[in-house]
Amino acid sequence: MQDLVTTYLVRADEQGMTDGCAAREILGHRLLTALMTDQETQDCRALLRACVLGAGVFPIDLYDEVEAALRISDRAIRNCLPTPHTTNRQ
Protein backbone atom coordinates (compact mmCIF):
# COMPACT_ATOMS: atom_id res chain seq x y z
CA MET A 1 0.00 0.00 0.00
CA GLN A 2 2.90 2.34 0.76
CA ASP A 3 4.12 1.76 -2.79
CA LEU A 4 0.70 2.80 -4.13
CA VAL A 5 0.75 6.10 -2.25
CA THR A 6 4.37 6.81 -3.16
CA THR A 7 3.87 5.85 -6.81
CA TYR A 8 0.83 8.09 -7.14
CA LEU A 9 2.48 11.08 -5.52
CA VAL A 10 5.74 10.67 -7.46
CA ARG A 11 3.92 10.21 -10.78
CA ALA A 12 1.76 13.25 -10.13
CA ASP A 13 4.80 15.34 -9.27
CA GLU A 14 6.80 14.16 -12.31
CA GLN A 15 3.94 14.95 -14.68
CA GLY A 16 3.28 18.31 -13.08
CA MET A 17 -0.18 17.17 -12.10
CA THR A 18 -1.94 19.10 -9.41
CA ASP A 19 -4.95 16.94 -8.70
CA GLY A 20 -6.40 18.44 -5.56
CA CYS A 21 -9.38 16.12 -5.61
CA ALA A 22 -7.13 13.06 -5.54
CA ALA A 23 -5.08 14.58 -2.73
CA ARG A 24 -8.27 15.24 -0.76
CA GLU A 25 -9.38 11.64 -1.25
CA ILE A 26 -6.00 10.29 -0.18
CA LEU A 27 -6.03 12.44 2.95
CA GLY A 28 -9.56 11.27 3.72
CA HIS A 29 -8.56 7.61 3.69
CA ARG A 30 -7.22 6.47 7.08
CA LEU A 31 -5.25 3.53 5.73
CA LEU A 32 -3.46 5.62 3.12
CA THR A 33 -2.64 8.43 5.52
CA ALA A 34 -1.30 5.91 8.02
CA LEU A 35 1.16 4.73 5.38
CA MET A 36 2.20 8.15 4.13
CA THR A 37 5.38 9.84 5.25
CA ASP A 38 5.14 13.19 6.99
CA GLN A 39 6.46 14.84 3.83
CA GLU A 40 3.83 13.16 1.63
CA THR A 41 1.11 14.29 4.03
CA GLN A 42 2.46 17.84 4.01
CA ASP A 43 2.64 17.79 0.20
CA CYS A 44 -0.99 16.66 -0.09
CA ARG A 45 -2.12 19.32 2.37
CA ALA A 46 -0.16 21.98 0.49
CA LEU A 47 -1.81 20.86 -2.74
CA LEU A 48 -5.25 21.15 -1.13
CA ARG A 49 -4.48 24.66 0.04
CA ALA A 50 -3.21 25.62 -3.41
CA CYS A 51 -6.40 24.30 -5.02
CA VAL A 52 -8.54 26.02 -2.38
CA LEU A 53 -10.56 22.83 -1.96
CA GLY A 54 -12.77 22.95 1.08
CA ALA A 55 -12.20 26.66 1.61
CA GLY A 56 -15.92 27.33 1.41
CA VAL A 57 -15.41 30.65 -0.34
CA PHE A 58 -15.86 31.21 -4.06
CA PRO A 59 -13.56 33.90 -5.46
CA ILE A 60 -15.84 36.79 -6.40
CA ASP A 61 -13.61 37.82 -9.30
CA LEU A 62 -14.37 34.49 -11.02
CA TYR A 63 -18.11 34.49 -10.34
CA ASP A 64 -19.18 36.17 -13.62
CA GLU A 65 -17.00 33.85 -15.72
CA VAL A 66 -18.28 30.72 -14.03
CA GLU A 67 -21.89 31.91 -14.20
CA ALA A 68 -21.56 32.55 -17.95
CA ALA A 69 -20.00 29.12 -18.49
CA LEU A 70 -22.79 27.47 -16.51
CA ARG A 71 -25.45 29.25 -18.57
CA ILE A 72 -23.82 28.08 -21.82
CA SER A 73 -23.57 24.52 -20.48
CA ASP A 74 -27.17 24.59 -19.32
CA ARG A 75 -28.36 25.71 -22.75
CA ALA A 76 -26.28 23.06 -24.52
CA ILE A 77 -27.62 20.29 -22.29
CA ARG A 78 -31.22 21.48 -22.64
CA ASN A 79 -30.85 21.60 -26.43
CA CYS A 80 -29.83 17.93 -26.39
CA LEU A 81 -32.83 16.83 -24.33
CA PRO A 82 -36.02 15.76 -26.07
CA THR A 83 -38.83 18.28 -25.92
CA PRO A 84 -42.05 17.20 -24.18
CA HIS A 85 -43.88 16.62 -27.47
CA THR A 86 -41.12 14.33 -28.82
CA THR A 87 -40.87 11.96 -25.88
CA ASN A 88 -42.56 8.60 -26.15
CA ARG A 89 -44.48 7.94 -22.96
CA GLN A 90 -46.69 4.91 -22.64
PDB file of N, CA and C in Angstrom:
ATOM      1  N   MET A   1       0.830  -1.184   0.000  1.00  0.00           N
ATOM      2  CA  MET A   1       0.000   0.000   0.000  1.00  0.00           C
ATOM      3  C   MET A   1       0.877   1.252   0.000  1.00  0.00           C
ATOM      4  N   GLN A   2       1.976   1.204   0.748  1.00  0.00           N
ATOM      5  CA  GLN A   2       2.901   2.336   0.763  1.00  0.00           C
ATOM      6  C   GLN A   2       3.392   2.634  -0.648  1.00  0.00           C
ATOM      7  N   ASP A   3       3.669   1.578  -1.412  1.00  0.00           N
ATOM      8  CA  ASP A   3       4.116   1.764  -2.789  1.00  0.00           C
ATOM      9  C   ASP A   3       3.053   2.479  -3.619  1.00  0.00           C
ATOM     10  N   LEU A   4       1.782   2.161  -3.398  1.00  0.00           N
ATOM     11  CA  LEU A   4       0.696   2.802  -4.134  1.00  0.00           C
ATOM     12  C   LEU A   4       0.673   4.296  -3.867  1.00  0.00           C
ATOM     13  N   VAL A   5       0.752   4.676  -2.615  1.00  0.00           N
ATOM     14  CA  VAL A   5       0.754   6.097  -2.253  1.00  0.00           C
ATOM     15  C   VAL A   5       1.966   6.788  -2.859  1.00  0.00           C
ATOM     16  N   THR A   6       3.134   6.202  -2.656  1.00  0.00           N
ATOM     17  CA  THR A   6       4.367   6.805  -3.161  1.00  0.00           C
ATOM     18  C   THR A   6       4.345   6.918  -4.678  1.00  0.00           C
ATOM     19  N   THR A   7       3.929   5.849  -5.344  1.00  0.00           N
ATOM     20  CA  THR A   7       3.873   5.854  -6.807  1.00  0.00           C
ATOM     21  C   THR A   7       2.943   6.945  -7.311  1.00  0.00           C
ATOM     22  N   TYR A   8       1.773   7.065  -6.703  1.00  0.00           N
ATOM     23  CA  TYR A   8       0.828   8.087  -7.143  1.00  0.00           C
ATOM     24  C   TYR A   8       1.411   9.480  -6.968  1.00  0.00           C
ATOM     25  N   LEU A   9       1.957   9.739  -5.793  1.00  0.00           N
ATOM     26  CA  LEU A   9       2.479  11.082  -5.520  1.00  0.00           C
ATOM     27  C   LEU A   9       3.675  11.416  -6.400  1.00  0.00           C
ATOM     28  N   VAL A  10       4.565  10.440  -6.614  1.00  0.00           N
ATOM     29  CA  VAL A  10       5.739  10.674  -7.463  1.00  0.00           C
ATOM     30  C   VAL A  10       5.307  10.894  -8.908  1.00  0.00           C
ATOM     31  N   ARG A  11       4.392  10.070  -9.406  1.00  0.00           N
ATOM     32  CA  ARG A  11       3.923  10.210 -10.783  1.00  0.00           C
ATOM     33  C   ARG A  11       3.246  11.570 -10.982  1.00  0.00           C
ATOM     34  N   ALA A  12       2.445  11.965 -10.027  1.00  0.00           N
ATOM     35  CA  ALA A  12       1.765  13.250 -10.133  1.00  0.00           C
ATOM     36  C   ALA A  12       2.771  14.387 -10.163  1.00  0.00           C
ATOM     37  N   ASP A  13       3.787  14.298  -9.327  1.00  0.00           N
ATOM     38  CA  ASP A  13       4.803  15.335  -9.270  1.00  0.00           C
ATOM     39  C   ASP A  13       5.613  15.384 -10.565  1.00  0.00           C
ATOM     40  N   GLU A  14       5.999  14.226 -11.085  1.00  0.00           N
ATOM     41  CA  GLU A  14       6.804  14.162 -12.306  1.00  0.00           C
ATOM     42  C   GLU A  14       6.048  14.715 -13.505  1.00  0.00           C
ATOM     43  N   GLN A  15       4.744  14.500 -13.549  1.00  0.00           N
ATOM     44  CA  GLN A  15       3.940  14.950 -14.676  1.00  0.00           C
ATOM     45  C   GLN A  15       3.396  16.356 -14.466  1.00  0.00           C
ATOM     46  N   GLY A  16       3.755  16.963 -13.355  1.00  0.00           N
ATOM     47  CA  GLY A  16       3.283  18.308 -13.085  1.00  0.00           C
ATOM     48  C   GLY A  16       1.799  18.360 -12.790  1.00  0.00           C
ATOM     49  N   MET A  17       1.245  17.221 -12.384  1.00  0.00           N
ATOM     50  CA  MET A  17      -0.183  17.172 -12.102  1.00  0.00           C
ATOM     51  C   MET A  17      -0.458  17.787 -10.740  1.00  0.00           C
ATOM     52  N   THR A  18      -1.516  18.524 -10.675  1.00  0.00           N
ATOM     53  CA  THR A  18      -1.942  19.097  -9.406  1.00  0.00           C
ATOM     54  C   THR A  18      -3.394  18.718  -9.203  1.00  0.00           C
ATOM     55  N   ASP A  19      -3.608  17.468  -8.861  1.00  0.00           N
ATOM     56  CA  ASP A  19      -4.952  16.941  -8.696  1.00  0.00           C
ATOM     57  C   ASP A  19      -5.373  17.068  -7.244  1.00  0.00           C
ATOM     58  N   GLY A  20      -5.963  18.195  -6.922  1.00  0.00           N
ATOM     59  CA  GLY A  20      -6.398  18.445  -5.557  1.00  0.00           C
ATOM     60  C   GLY A  20      -7.459  17.480  -5.096  1.00  0.00           C
ATOM     61  N   CYS A  21      -8.328  17.068  -5.991  1.00  0.00           N
ATOM     62  CA  CYS A  21      -9.385  16.120  -5.611  1.00  0.00           C
ATOM     63  C   CYS A  21      -8.783  14.789  -5.184  1.00  0.00           C
ATOM     64  N   ALA A  22      -7.791  14.321  -5.914  1.00  0.00           N
ATOM     65  CA  ALA A  22      -7.131  13.061  -5.541  1.00  0.00           C
ATOM     66  C   ALA A  22      -6.409  13.215  -4.201  1.00  0.00           C
ATOM     67  N   ALA A  23      -5.769  14.339  -4.004  1.00  0.00           N
ATOM     68  CA  ALA A  23      -5.078  14.577  -2.728  1.00  0.00           C
ATOM     69  C   ALA A  23      -6.084  14.589  -1.581  1.00  0.00           C
ATOM     70  N   ARG A  24      -7.232  15.202  -1.799  1.00  0.00           N
ATOM     71  CA  ARG A  24      -8.270  15.240  -0.762  1.00  0.00           C
ATOM     72  C   ARG A  24      -8.757  13.828  -0.438  1.00  0.00           C
ATOM     73  N   GLU A  25      -8.929  13.017  -1.477  1.00  0.00           N
ATOM     74  CA  GLU A  25      -9.381  11.640  -1.248  1.00  0.00           C
ATOM     75  C   GLU A  25      -8.328  10.837  -0.499  1.00  0.00           C
ATOM     76  N   ILE A  26      -7.076  11.001  -0.865  1.00  0.00           N
ATOM     77  CA  ILE A  26      -5.998  10.287  -0.177  1.00  0.00           C
ATOM     78  C   ILE A  26      -5.971  10.683   1.296  1.00  0.00           C
ATOM     79  N   LEU A  27      -6.066  11.981   1.565  1.00  0.00           N
ATOM     80  CA  LEU A  27      -6.028  12.443   2.952  1.00  0.00           C
ATOM     81  C   LEU A  27      -7.257  11.998   3.740  1.00  0.00           C
ATOM     82  N   GLY A  28      -8.344  11.723   3.055  1.00  0.00           N
ATOM     83  CA  GLY A  28      -9.557  11.275   3.719  1.00  0.00           C
ATOM     84  C   GLY A  28      -9.594   9.784   3.990  1.00  0.00           C
ATOM     85  N   HIS A  29      -8.596   9.062   3.530  1.00  0.00           N
ATOM     86  CA  HIS A  29      -8.559   7.613   3.693  1.00  0.00           C
ATOM     87  C   HIS A  29      -7.560   7.263   4.802  1.00  0.00           C
ATOM     88  N   ARG A  30      -8.063   6.741   5.904  1.00  0.00           N
ATOM     89  CA  ARG A  30      -7.218   6.469   7.080  1.00  0.00           C
ATOM     90  C   ARG A  30      -6.061   5.517   6.794  1.00  0.00           C
ATOM     91  N   LEU A  31      -6.322   4.490   6.010  1.00  0.00           N
ATOM     92  CA  LEU A  31      -5.252   3.529   5.726  1.00  0.00           C
ATOM     93  C   LEU A  31      -4.130   4.186   4.925  1.00  0.00           C
ATOM     94  N   LEU A  32      -4.496   4.974   3.933  1.00  0.00           N
ATOM     95  CA  LEU A  32      -3.463   5.624   3.124  1.00  0.00           C
ATOM     96  C   LEU A  32      -2.677   6.633   3.940  1.00  0.00           C
ATOM     97  N   THR A  33      -3.370   7.434   4.738  1.00  0.00           N
ATOM     98  CA  THR A  33      -2.639   8.433   5.520  1.00  0.00           C
ATOM     99  C   THR A  33      -1.751   7.785   6.568  1.00  0.00           C
ATOM    100  N   ALA A  34      -2.142   6.620   7.053  1.00  0.00           N
ATOM    101  CA  ALA A  34      -1.298   5.911   8.023  1.00  0.00           C
ATOM    102  C   ALA A  34       0.005   5.455   7.387  1.00  0.00           C
ATOM    103  N   LEU A  35      -0.028   5.218   6.081  1.00  0.00           N
ATOM    104  CA  LEU A  35       1.158   4.731   5.384  1.00  0.00           C
ATOM    105  C   LEU A  35       2.008   5.843   4.778  1.00  0.00           C
ATOM    106  N   MET A  36       1.470   7.039   4.738  1.00  0.00           N
ATOM    107  CA  MET A  36       2.202   8.150   4.131  1.00  0.00           C
ATOM    108  C   MET A  36       3.283   8.675   5.065  1.00  0.00           C
ATOM    109  N   THR A  37       4.346   9.170   4.459  1.00  0.00           N
ATOM    110  CA  THR A  37       5.376   9.839   5.250  1.00  0.00           C
ATOM    111  C   THR A  37       4.858  11.220   5.637  1.00  0.00           C
ATOM    112  N   ASP A  38       5.523  11.830   6.595  1.00  0.00           N
ATOM    113  CA  ASP A  38       5.137  13.191   6.989  1.00  0.00           C
ATOM    114  C   ASP A  38       5.244  14.143   5.805  1.00  0.00           C
ATOM    115  N   GLN A  39       6.275  13.963   4.987  1.00  0.00           N
ATOM    116  CA  GLN A  39       6.462  14.844   3.830  1.00  0.00           C
ATOM    117  C   GLN A  39       5.337  14.666   2.822  1.00  0.00           C
ATOM    118  N   GLU A  40       4.928  13.418   2.576  1.00  0.00           N
ATOM    119  CA  GLU A  40       3.826  13.164   1.635  1.00  0.00           C
ATOM    120  C   GLU A  40       2.528  13.786   2.142  1.00  0.00           C
ATOM    121  N   THR A  41       2.307  13.679   3.440  1.00  0.00           N
ATOM    122  CA  THR A  41       1.112  14.288   4.028  1.00  0.00           C
ATOM    123  C   THR A  41       1.163  15.801   3.872  1.00  0.00           C
ATOM    124  N   GLN A  42       2.305  16.386   4.152  1.00  0.00           N
ATOM    125  CA  GLN A  42       2.460  17.841   4.006  1.00  0.00           C
ATOM    126  C   GLN A  42       2.262  18.261   2.557  1.00  0.00           C
ATOM    127  N   ASP A  43       2.790  17.470   1.616  1.00  0.00           N
ATOM    128  CA  ASP A  43       2.639  17.790   0.197  1.00  0.00           C
ATOM    129  C   ASP A  43       1.169  17.759  -0.227  1.00  0.00           C
ATOM    130  N   CYS A  44       0.445  16.751   0.241  1.00  0.00           N
ATOM    131  CA  CYS A  44      -0.987  16.660  -0.089  1.00  0.00           C
ATOM    132  C   CYS A  44      -1.748  17.840   0.509  1.00  0.00           C
ATOM    133  N   ARG A  45      -1.433  18.177   1.725  1.00  0.00           N
ATOM    134  CA  ARG A  45      -2.116  19.315   2.370  1.00  0.00           C
ATOM    135  C   ARG A  45      -1.788  20.625   1.656  1.00  0.00           C
ATOM    136  N   ALA A  46      -0.551  20.764   1.227  1.00  0.00           N
ATOM    137  CA  ALA A  46      -0.165  21.977   0.487  1.00  0.00           C
ATOM    138  C   ALA A  46      -0.915  22.054  -0.836  1.00  0.00           C
ATOM    139  N   LEU A  47      -1.075  20.904  -1.483  1.00  0.00           N
ATOM    140  CA  LEU A  47      -1.814  20.862  -2.744  1.00  0.00           C
ATOM    141  C   LEU A  47      -3.271  21.256  -2.520  1.00  0.00           C
ATOM    142  N   LEU A  48      -3.862  20.771  -1.446  1.00  0.00           N
ATOM    143  CA  LEU A  48      -5.246  21.146  -1.130  1.00  0.00           C
ATOM    144  C   LEU A  48      -5.367  22.651  -0.915  1.00  0.00           C
ATOM    145  N   ARG A  49      -4.439  23.211  -0.182  1.00  0.00           N
ATOM    146  CA  ARG A  49      -4.478  24.664   0.043  1.00  0.00           C
ATOM    147  C   ARG A  49      -4.327  25.424  -1.269  1.00  0.00           C
ATOM    148  N   ALA A  50      -3.435  24.945  -2.129  1.00  0.00           N
ATOM    149  CA  ALA A  50      -3.212  25.618  -3.413  1.00  0.00           C
ATOM    150  C   ALA A  50      -4.447  25.566  -4.302  1.00  0.00           C
ATOM    151  N   CYS A  51      -5.193  24.464  -4.205  1.00  0.00           N
ATOM    152  CA  CYS A  51      -6.403  24.296  -5.021  1.00  0.00           C
ATOM    153  C   CYS A  51      -7.617  24.949  -4.378  1.00  0.00           C
ATOM    154  N   VAL A  52      -7.478  25.382  -3.160  1.00  0.00           N
ATOM    155  CA  VAL A  52      -8.536  26.019  -2.382  1.00  0.00           C
ATOM    156  C   VAL A  52      -9.737  25.081  -2.199  1.00  0.00           C
ATOM    157  N   LEU A  53      -9.478  23.775  -2.178  1.00  0.00           N
ATOM    158  CA  LEU A  53     -10.564  22.826  -1.957  1.00  0.00           C
ATOM    159  C   LEU A  53     -10.969  22.863  -0.493  1.00  0.00           C
ATOM    160  N   GLY A  54     -12.248  22.934  -0.272  1.00  0.00           N
ATOM    161  CA  GLY A  54     -12.765  22.950   1.083  1.00  0.00           C
ATOM    162  C   GLY A  54     -12.695  24.300   1.758  1.00  0.00           C
ATOM    163  N   ALA A  55     -12.310  25.332   1.017  1.00  0.00           N
ATOM    164  CA  ALA A  55     -12.203  26.663   1.612  1.00  0.00           C
ATOM    165  C   ALA A  55     -13.572  27.257   1.919  1.00  0.00           C
ATOM    166  N   GLY A  56     -14.578  26.832   1.160  1.00  0.00           N
ATOM    167  CA  GLY A  56     -15.918  27.325   1.412  1.00  0.00           C
ATOM    168  C   GLY A  56     -16.183  28.713   0.872  1.00  0.00           C
ATOM    169  N   VAL A  57     -15.230  29.299   0.198  1.00  0.00           N
ATOM    170  CA  VAL A  57     -15.405  30.646  -0.341  1.00  0.00           C
ATOM    171  C   VAL A  57     -15.116  30.618  -1.830  1.00  0.00           C
ATOM    172  N   PHE A  58     -16.055  31.143  -2.614  1.00  0.00           N
ATOM    173  CA  PHE A  58     -15.862  31.206  -4.056  1.00  0.00           C
ATOM    174  C   PHE A  58     -15.287  32.575  -4.400  1.00  0.00           C
ATOM    175  N   PRO A  59     -14.173  32.609  -5.120  1.00  0.00           N
ATOM    176  CA  PRO A  59     -13.555  33.899  -5.463  1.00  0.00           C
ATOM    177  C   PRO A  59     -14.513  34.767  -6.281  1.00  0.00           C
ATOM    178  N   ILE A  60     -14.851  35.909  -5.767  1.00  0.00           N
ATOM    179  CA  ILE A  60     -15.838  36.792  -6.397  1.00  0.00           C
ATOM    180  C   ILE A  60     -15.402  37.246  -7.785  1.00  0.00           C
ATOM    181  N   ASP A  61     -14.091  37.372  -8.001  1.00  0.00           N
ATOM    182  CA  ASP A  61     -13.613  37.821  -9.304  1.00  0.00           C
ATOM    183  C   ASP A  61     -13.838  36.785 -10.405  1.00  0.00           C
ATOM    184  N   LEU A  62     -14.100  35.533 -10.027  1.00  0.00           N
ATOM    185  CA  LEU A  62     -14.368  34.492 -11.022  1.00  0.00           C
ATOM    186  C   LEU A  62     -15.861  34.212 -11.191  1.00  0.00           C
ATOM    187  N   TYR A  63     -16.680  34.797 -10.349  1.00  0.00           N
ATOM    188  CA  TYR A  63     -18.106  34.487 -10.337  1.00  0.00           C
ATOM    189  C   TYR A  63     -18.758  34.706 -11.700  1.00  0.00           C
ATOM    190  N   ASP A  64     -18.544  35.864 -12.331  1.00  0.00           N
ATOM    191  CA  ASP A  64     -19.181  36.169 -13.623  1.00  0.00           C
ATOM    192  C   ASP A  64     -18.763  35.174 -14.704  1.00  0.00           C
ATOM    193  N   GLU A  65     -17.478  34.808 -14.721  1.00  0.00           N
ATOM    194  CA  GLU A  65     -17.002  33.853 -15.723  1.00  0.00           C
ATOM    195  C   GLU A  65     -17.635  32.474 -15.536  1.00  0.00           C
ATOM    196  N   VAL A  66     -17.696  32.034 -14.312  1.00  0.00           N
ATOM    197  CA  VAL A  66     -18.278  30.716 -14.031  1.00  0.00           C
ATOM    198  C   VAL A  66     -19.772  30.732 -14.315  1.00  0.00           C
ATOM    199  N   GLU A  67     -20.446  31.800 -13.939  1.00  0.00           N
ATOM    200  CA  GLU A  67     -21.885  31.906 -14.201  1.00  0.00           C
ATOM    201  C   GLU A  67     -22.168  31.862 -15.701  1.00  0.00           C
ATOM    202  N   ALA A  68     -21.385  32.564 -16.494  1.00  0.00           N
ATOM    203  CA  ALA A  68     -21.560  32.549 -17.950  1.00  0.00           C
ATOM    204  C   ALA A  68     -21.319  31.149 -18.516  1.00  0.00           C
ATOM    205  N   ALA A  69     -20.287  30.480 -18.027  1.00  0.00           N
ATOM    206  CA  ALA A  69     -19.998  29.119 -18.491  1.00  0.00           C
ATOM    207  C   ALA A  69     -21.128  28.160 -18.118  1.00  0.00           C
ATOM    208  N   LEU A  70     -21.677  28.322 -16.933  1.00  0.00           N
ATOM    209  CA  LEU A  70     -22.792  27.474 -16.507  1.00  0.00           C
ATOM    210  C   LEU A  70     -24.034  27.704 -17.367  1.00  0.00           C
ATOM    211  N   ARG A  71     -24.290  28.949 -17.715  1.00  0.00           N
ATOM    212  CA  ARG A  71     -25.454  29.246 -18.572  1.00  0.00           C
ATOM    213  C   ARG A  71     -25.286  28.606 -19.955  1.00  0.00           C
ATOM    214  N   ILE A  72     -24.092  28.689 -20.505  1.00  0.00           N
ATOM    215  CA  ILE A  72     -23.821  28.081 -21.818  1.00  0.00           C
ATOM    216  C   ILE A  72     -23.987  26.568 -21.722  1.00  0.00           C
ATOM    217  N   SER A  73     -23.442  25.974 -20.670  1.00  0.00           N
ATOM    218  CA  SER A  73     -23.566  24.525 -20.483  1.00  0.00           C
ATOM    219  C   SER A  73     -25.018  24.108 -20.312  1.00  0.00           C
ATOM    220  N   ASP A  74     -25.758  24.879 -19.547  1.00  0.00           N
ATOM    221  CA  ASP A  74     -27.171  24.587 -19.323  1.00  0.00           C
ATOM    222  C   ASP A  74     -27.939  24.604 -20.641  1.00  0.00           C
ATOM    223  N   ARG A  75     -27.691  25.622 -21.446  1.00  0.00           N
ATOM    224  CA  ARG A  75     -28.358  25.709 -22.755  1.00  0.00           C
ATOM    225  C   ARG A  75     -28.005  24.533 -23.650  1.00  0.00           C
ATOM    226  N   ALA A  76     -26.723  24.177 -23.674  1.00  0.00           N
ATOM    227  CA  ALA A  76     -26.276  23.062 -24.516  1.00  0.00           C
ATOM    228  C   ALA A  76     -26.930  21.756 -24.089  1.00  0.00           C
ATOM    229  N   ILE A  77     -26.991  21.522 -22.788  1.00  0.00           N
ATOM    230  CA  ILE A  77     -27.617  20.295 -22.287  1.00  0.00           C
ATOM    231  C   ILE A  77     -29.103  20.285 -22.613  1.00  0.00           C
ATOM    232  N   ARG A  78     -29.774  21.408 -22.366  1.00  0.00           N
ATOM    233  CA  ARG A  78     -31.216  21.479 -22.636  1.00  0.00           C
ATOM    234  C   ARG A  78     -31.517  21.287 -24.119  1.00  0.00           C
ATOM    235  N   ASN A  79     -30.650  21.776 -24.990  1.00  0.00           N
ATOM    236  CA  ASN A  79     -30.851  21.599 -26.434  1.00  0.00           C
ATOM    237  C   ASN A  79     -30.712  20.136 -26.855  1.00  0.00           C
ATOM    238  N   CYS A  80     -30.000  19.353 -26.084  1.00  0.00           N
ATOM    239  CA  CYS A  80     -29.826  17.930 -26.394  1.00  0.00           C
ATOM    240  C   CYS A  80     -30.971  17.072 -25.858  1.00  0.00           C
ATOM    241  N   LEU A  81     -31.727  17.597 -24.925  1.00  0.00           N
ATOM    242  CA  LEU A  81     -32.826  16.835 -24.327  1.00  0.00           C
ATOM    243  C   LEU A  81     -34.036  16.853 -25.252  1.00  0.00           C
ATOM    244  N   PRO A  82     -34.799  15.766 -25.250  1.00  0.00           N
ATOM    245  CA  PRO A  82     -36.016  15.759 -26.070  1.00  0.00           C
ATOM    246  C   PRO A  82     -37.041  16.741 -25.493  1.00  0.00           C
ATOM    247  N   THR A  83     -37.768  17.386 -26.378  1.00  0.00           N
ATOM    248  CA  THR A  83     -38.830  18.280 -25.922  1.00  0.00           C
ATOM    249  C   THR A  83     -40.028  17.446 -25.498  1.00  0.00           C
ATOM    250  N   PRO A  84     -40.920  17.998 -24.688  1.00  0.00           N
ATOM    251  CA  PRO A  84     -42.045  17.201 -24.180  1.00  0.00           C
ATOM    252  C   PRO A  84     -42.882  16.547 -25.277  1.00  0.00           C
ATOM    253  N   HIS A  85     -43.041  17.205 -26.421  1.00  0.00           N
ATOM    254  CA  HIS A  85     -43.883  16.623 -27.469  1.00  0.00           C
ATOM    255  C   HIS A  85     -43.164  15.543 -28.275  1.00  0.00           C
ATOM    256  N   THR A  86     -41.846  15.364 -28.078  1.00  0.00           N
ATOM    257  CA  THR A  86     -41.116  14.333 -28.825  1.00  0.00           C
ATOM    258  C   THR A  86     -40.818  13.084 -27.991  1.00  0.00           C
ATOM    259  N   THR A  87     -41.124  13.138 -26.699  1.00  0.00           N
ATOM    260  CA  THR A  87     -40.871  11.957 -25.881  1.00  0.00           C
ATOM    261  C   THR A  87     -41.965  10.940 -26.083  1.00  0.00           C
ATOM    262  N   ASN A  88     -41.606   9.697 -25.982  1.00  0.00           N
ATOM    263  CA  ASN A  88     -42.562   8.600 -26.146  1.00  0.00           C
ATOM    264  C   ASN A  88     -42.897   8.036 -24.783  1.00  0.00           C
ATOM    265  N   ARG A  89     -44.022   8.459 -24.245  1.00  0.00           N
ATOM    266  CA  ARG A  89     -44.475   7.936 -22.961  1.00  0.00           C
ATOM    267  C   ARG A  89     -45.629   6.986 -23.190  1.00  0.00           C
ATOM    268  N   GLN A  90     -45.607   5.895 -22.472  1.00  0.00           N
ATOM    269  CA  GLN A  90     -46.690   4.912 -22.636  1.00  0.00           C
ATOM    270  C   GLN A  90     -47.497   4.801 -21.394  1.00  0.00           C
TER     271      GLN A  90
END
